[in-house]
Amino acid sequence: MEAIEQIIKLVVESSGCPLYAPGDEVIFDGPLLDKDKSGNFCMMALSAVFPFVYAARKGVISEAPLQCPDCGEKVVFRIMKA
């Protein structure tokens, strides 16, 4: 039986980083980043949220906020179904 992939949305809740503003979104359609529906996405942020994005694609969504670890610039994301 093949697992169903969820479309996942990361939403910026708060940001001290000049690359993100609250409300910015990044959409994952299965294993792909939906470039047409997403803003820019920093590779440091990806390294922090990837395990949660993978789990969410499989239907397990964490309610906890996710934070990018880069420098002192705190960016907080929420993950949810799109």
C-alpha atoms as a PDB file:
ATOM      1  CA  MET A   1       0.000   0.000   0.000  1.00  0.00           C
ATOM      2  CA  GLU A   2       1.418   3.381  -1.006  1.00  0.00           C
ATOM      3  CA  ALA A   3       1.437   6.156   1.616  1.00  0.00           C
ATOM      4  CA  ILE A   4      -0.495   9.315   0.822  1.00  0.00           C
ATOM      5  CA  GLU A   5       1.639  12.441   0.741  1.00  0.00           C
ATOM      6  CA  GLN A   6       0.280  15.549   2.439  1.00  0.00           C
ATOM      7  CA  ILE A   7       0.774  19.052   1.066  1.00  0.00           C
ATOM      8  CA  ILE A   8       2.510  20.927   3.884  1.00  0.00           C
ATOM      9  CA  LYS A   9       2.756  24.634   4.606  1.00  0.00           C
ATOM     10  CA  LEU A  10       5.375  26.360   6.761  1.00  0.00           C
ATOM     11  CA  VAL A  11       4.230  29.776   7.931  1.00  0.00           C
ATOM     12  CA  VAL A  12       6.551  32.347   9.521  1.00  0.00           C
ATOM     13  CA  GLU A  13       5.092  33.374  12.887  1.00  0.00           C
ATOM     14  CA  SER A  14       7.836  35.800  13.856  1.00  0.00           C
ATOM     15  CA  SER A  15      11.190  36.824  12.451  1.00  0.00           C
ATOM     16  CA  GLY A  16      14.276  38.783  13.403  1.00  0.00           C
ATOM     17  CA  CYS A  17      15.842  37.777  10.079  1.00  0.00           C
ATOM     18  CA  PRO A  18      15.758  40.183   7.112  1.00  0.00           C
ATOM     19  CA  LEU A  19      14.960  37.252   4.788  1.00  0.00           C
ATOM     20  CA  TYR A  20      11.544  36.528   6.340  1.00  0.00           C
ATOM     21  CA  ALA A  21       8.480  38.467   7.431  1.00  0.00           C
ATOM     22  CA  PRO A  22       5.594  37.164   9.542  1.00  0.00           C
ATOM     23  CA  GLY A  23       3.068  35.488   7.266  1.00  0.00           C
ATOM     24  CA  ASP A  24       5.612  34.310   4.680  1.00  0.00           C
ATOM     25  CA  GLU A  25       4.836  30.773   3.502  1.00  0.00           C
ATOM     26  CA  VAL A  26       6.764  27.835   2.100  1.00  0.00           C
ATOM     27  CA  ILE A  27       4.734  25.027   0.489  1.00  0.00           C
ATOM     28  CA  PHE A  28       5.917  21.421   0.137  1.00  0.00           C
ATOM     29  CA  ASP A  29       3.936  19.240  -2.254  1.00  0.00           C
ATOM     30  CA  GLY A  30       5.162  15.792  -1.277  1.00  0.00           C
ATOM     31  CA  PRO A  31       8.948  15.837  -1.603  1.00  0.00           C
ATOM     32  CA  LEU A  32       8.955  18.952  -3.796  1.00  0.00           C
ATOM     33  CA  LEU A  33       9.163  22.622  -2.870  1.00  0.00           C
ATOM     34  CA  ASP A  34       6.328  24.398  -4.681  1.00  0.00           C
ATOM     35  CA  LYS A  35       8.336  27.322  -6.074  1.00  0.00           C
ATOM     36  CA  ASP A  36       5.293  29.048  -7.580  1.00  0.00           C
ATOM     37  CA  LYS A  37       3.451  29.237  -4.253  1.00  0.00           C
ATOM     38  CA  SER A  38       6.433  29.738  -1.920  1.00  0.00           C
ATOM     39  CA  GLY A  39       8.673  32.572  -0.918  1.00  0.00           C
ATOM     40  CA  ASN A  40      12.425  32.195  -0.639  1.00  0.00           C
ATOM     41  CA  PHE A  41      13.618  29.455   1.696  1.00  0.00           C
ATOM     42  CA  CYS A  42      16.983  29.570   3.426  1.00  0.00           C
ATOM     43  CA  MET A  43      19.005  26.354   3.520  1.00  0.00           C
ATOM     44  CA  MET A  44      19.755  26.858   7.242  1.00  0.00           C
ATOM     45  CA  ALA A  45      16.023  26.952   7.960  1.00  0.00           C
ATOM     46  CA  LEU A  46      15.550  23.837   5.847  1.00  0.00           C
ATOM     47  CA  SER A  47      18.126  21.961   7.916  1.00  0.00           C
ATOM     48  CA  ALA A  48      16.172  22.791  11.085  1.00  0.00           C
ATOM     49  CA  VAL A  49      12.673  21.930   9.849  1.00  0.00           C
ATOM     50  CA  PHE A  50      13.313  19.048   7.428  1.00  0.00           C
ATOM     51  CA  PRO A  51      12.583  16.166   9.864  1.00  0.00           C
ATOM     52  CA  PHE A  52       9.275  17.811  10.813  1.00  0.00           C
ATOM     53  CA  VAL A  53       8.347  18.498   7.186  1.00  0.00           C
ATOM     54  CA  TYR A  54       9.060  14.864   6.332  1.00  0.00           C
ATOM     55  CA  ALA A  55       6.891  13.604   9.210  1.00  0.00           C
ATOM     56  CA  ALA A  56       4.099  16.035   8.318  1.00  0.00           C
ATOM     57  CA  ARG A  57       4.128  14.830   4.709  1.00  0.00           C
ATOM     58  CA  LYS A  58       3.331  11.389   6.131  1.00  0.00           C
ATOM     59  CA  GLY A  59       0.501  12.751   8.293  1.00  0.00           C
ATOM     60  CA  VAL A  60       2.266  13.442  11.618  1.00  0.00           C
ATOM     61  CA  ILE A  61       2.138  17.170  12.317  1.00  0.00           C
ATOM     62  CA  SER A  62       3.861  18.691  15.333  1.00  0.00           C
ATOM     63  CA  GLU A  63       1.972  21.456  17.122  1.00  0.00           C
ATOM     64  CA  ALA A  64       5.219  22.922  18.472  1.00  0.00           C
ATOM     65  CA  PRO A  65       6.755  25.960  16.770  1.00  0.00           C
ATOM     66  CA  LEU A  66       9.950  25.331  14.816  1.00  0.00           C
ATOM     67  CA  GLN A  67      12.932  27.661  14.990  1.00  0.00           C
ATOM     68  CA  CYS A  68      15.789  28.309  12.588  1.00  0.00           C
ATOM     69  CA  PRO A  69      19.173  27.972  14.377  1.00  0.00           C
ATOM     70  CA  ASP A  70      21.119  30.453  12.240  1.00  0.00           C
ATOM     71  CA  CYS A  71      22.973  33.183  14.153  1.00  0.00           C
ATOM     72  CA  GLY A  72      20.985  35.334  16.555  1.00  0.00           C
ATOM     73  CA  GLU A  73      18.258  35.965  14.009  1.00  0.00           C
ATOM     74  CA  LYS A  74      15.315  34.072  15.393  1.00  0.00           C
ATOM     75  CA  VAL A  75      12.734  32.847  12.868  1.00  0.00           C
ATOM     76  CA  VAL A  76       9.772  30.840  14.183  1.00  0.00           C
ATOM     77  CA  PHE A  77       7.736  28.680  11.810  1.00  0.00           C
ATOM     78  CA  ARG A  78       4.466  26.787  12.237  1.00  0.00           C
ATOM     79  CA  ILE A  79       3.879  23.675  10.181  1.00  0.00           C
ATOM     80  CA  MET A  80       0.407  22.683   8.986  1.00  0.00           C
ATOM     81  CA  LYS A  81      -1.527  21.040   6.186  1.00  0.00           C
ATOM     82  CA  ALA A  82      -1.914  23.362   3.221  1.00  0.00           C
END
